[in-house]
């Protein structure tokens, strides 16, 4: 099963529609969390909202995560060592307030942590080669000791 998530704050119909069309052509099983929207996907199972525990279970059980470039979705996928394909929201399309997801996605892609599709065409191309996506290594759910020590030192110096 592939898990598609758009996060909990805003719908991302462009992403959901693209995955829905692909699922209709490919026959792949997709479960999606799509937020509150008038969009009604035809080829995927979906829900507007999902509880945190169910979200984590959906990520854990999925073979692949498709997501906006939100850090909560990305970090959870990395925690479970799941391959993740992200499409950043775009401010010019009124999907978000600014384009902060674009540099985030590009930086994480350069590190080998995520696969990125910047638009629907790139997403369709990536989905056609979906079995080539590899899972990055797992990350811890908790901050590293070195990060925690740096934060403590910073606070102590303030």
Foldseek 3Di string as FASTA:
>chain_A
DEEEEADAPFFDVQVVVLVLVVCVVPVDEYEYQGADDPDDRDRYHYDPDDDPVVLLVCLLPHQEYEYELDPVNLLSNQQNQHAYEHEHDDVVVVRDVHRPSVVSVVVCVVVVSYHYDPHSVSVSVCVVVVVPGGGDHHDHPDDDPVVVVVVVVVVVVD
